[in-house]
């Protein structure tokens, strides 16, 4: 099983985008790697993209992986710099 620390920078960025609902326009090889790891799932859906009806692939983060991501984020050091007056 993959861990967040093992992801490439690109995989991590794409996972985070999908976790917040932005699943469009990502590199297909990066998506395939995340699907192979089981960190995201691909689902075929019927819909419209503008005026174009069809079947589209949407990507989702399964709830257990979303929870692990939240836990992992909470363990990371705070990178925000304190504001100075």
Protein backbone atom coordinates (compact mmCIF):
# COMPACT_ATOMS: atom_id res chain seq x y z
CA UNK A 1 0.00 0.00 0.00
CA UNK A 2 1.30 3.41 -0.94
CA UNK A 3 1.73 6.19 1.56
CA UNK A 4 1.56 9.93 1.01
CA UNK A 5 5.28 10.24 1.70
CA UNK A 6 5.99 7.85 -1.21
CA UNK A 7 4.06 9.88 -3.80
CA UNK A 8 5.82 11.98 -6.37
CA UNK A 9 5.19 15.72 -6.23
CA UNK A 10 2.86 15.43 -9.24
CA UNK A 11 0.93 12.52 -7.71
CA UNK A 12 0.55 14.40 -4.44
CA UNK A 13 -0.75 17.54 -6.17
CA UNK A 14 -3.25 15.56 -8.26
CA UNK A 15 -4.45 13.55 -5.24
CA UNK A 16 -5.06 16.77 -3.31
CA UNK A 17 -6.95 18.32 -6.22
CA UNK A 18 -9.17 15.27 -6.60
CA UNK A 19 -9.75 15.18 -2.83
CA UNK A 20 -11.24 18.68 -3.04
CA UNK A 21 -13.36 17.87 -6.10
CA UNK A 22 -11.13 19.12 -8.94
CA UNK A 23 -10.76 15.97 -11.04
CA UNK A 24 -10.38 17.48 -14.51
CA UNK A 25 -7.38 18.15 -16.68
CA UNK A 26 -4.80 16.00 -14.91
CA UNK A 27 -2.04 13.92 -16.49
CA UNK A 28 -3.43 10.49 -17.40
CA UNK A 29 -0.29 8.64 -16.27
CA UNK A 30 -0.46 10.35 -12.87
CA UNK A 31 -4.14 9.44 -12.57
CA UNK A 32 -3.40 5.83 -13.55
CA UNK A 33 -0.69 5.56 -10.89
CA UNK A 34 -3.06 6.82 -8.19
CA UNK A 35 -5.77 4.39 -9.37
CA UNK A 36 -3.23 1.51 -9.26
CA UNK A 37 -2.37 2.45 -5.65
CA UNK A 38 -6.09 2.47 -4.82
CA UNK A 39 -5.86 6.07 -3.65
CA UNK A 40 -8.45 7.25 -6.18
CA UNK A 41 -11.17 5.49 -8.15
CA UNK A 42 -12.26 6.14 -11.72
CA UNK A 43 -15.95 6.10 -12.51
CA UNK A 44 -17.67 6.41 -15.87
CA UNK A 45 -20.59 8.87 -15.70
CA UNK A 46 -23.11 10.09 -18.23
CA UNK A 47 -23.34 13.82 -18.58
CA UNK A 48 -22.73 16.95 -20.59
CA UNK A 49 -19.57 18.91 -21.04
CA UNK A 50 -20.90 22.18 -22.32
CA UNK A 51 -23.07 21.21 -25.28
CA UNK A 52 -21.46 17.77 -25.66
CA UNK A 53 -23.33 14.83 -24.12
CA UNK A 54 -21.40 11.64 -23.47
CA UNK A 55 -19.73 9.31 -21.04
CA UNK A 56 -16.88 10.83 -19.05
CA UNK A 57 -14.39 9.49 -16.54
CA UNK A 58 -14.60 11.16 -13.14
CA UNK A 59 -12.15 10.53 -10.30
CA UNK A 60 -12.94 10.32 -6.61
CA UNK A 61 -11.00 9.74 -3.39
CA UNK A 62 -12.49 6.85 -1.37
CA UNK A 63 -13.50 7.91 2.15
CA UNK A 64 -10.81 5.77 3.91
CA UNK A 65 -8.08 7.44 1.82
CA UNK A 66 -9.58 10.87 2.43
CA UNK A 67 -9.44 10.23 6.19
CA UNK A 68 -5.81 9.05 5.93
CA UNK A 69 -4.99 12.19 3.96
CA UNK A 70 -6.54 14.42 6.64
CA UNK A 71 -4.59 12.57 9.35
CA UNK A 72 -1.36 12.83 7.35
CA UNK A 73 -1.90 16.57 6.78
CA UNK A 74 -2.41 17.10 10.51
CA UNK A 75 0.94 15.43 11.22
CA UNK A 76 2.89 17.68 8.85
CA UNK A 77 4.93 20.58 10.24
CA UNK A 78 3.33 23.98 9.98
CA UNK A 79 4.91 25.76 7.04
CA UNK A 80 3.05 29.03 7.48
CA UNK A 81 5.35 31.85 8.50
CA UNK A 82 4.08 33.97 11.36
CA UNK A 83 3.16 37.47 10.34
CA UNK A 84 5.35 40.22 11.69
CA UNK A 85 3.95 43.55 12.75
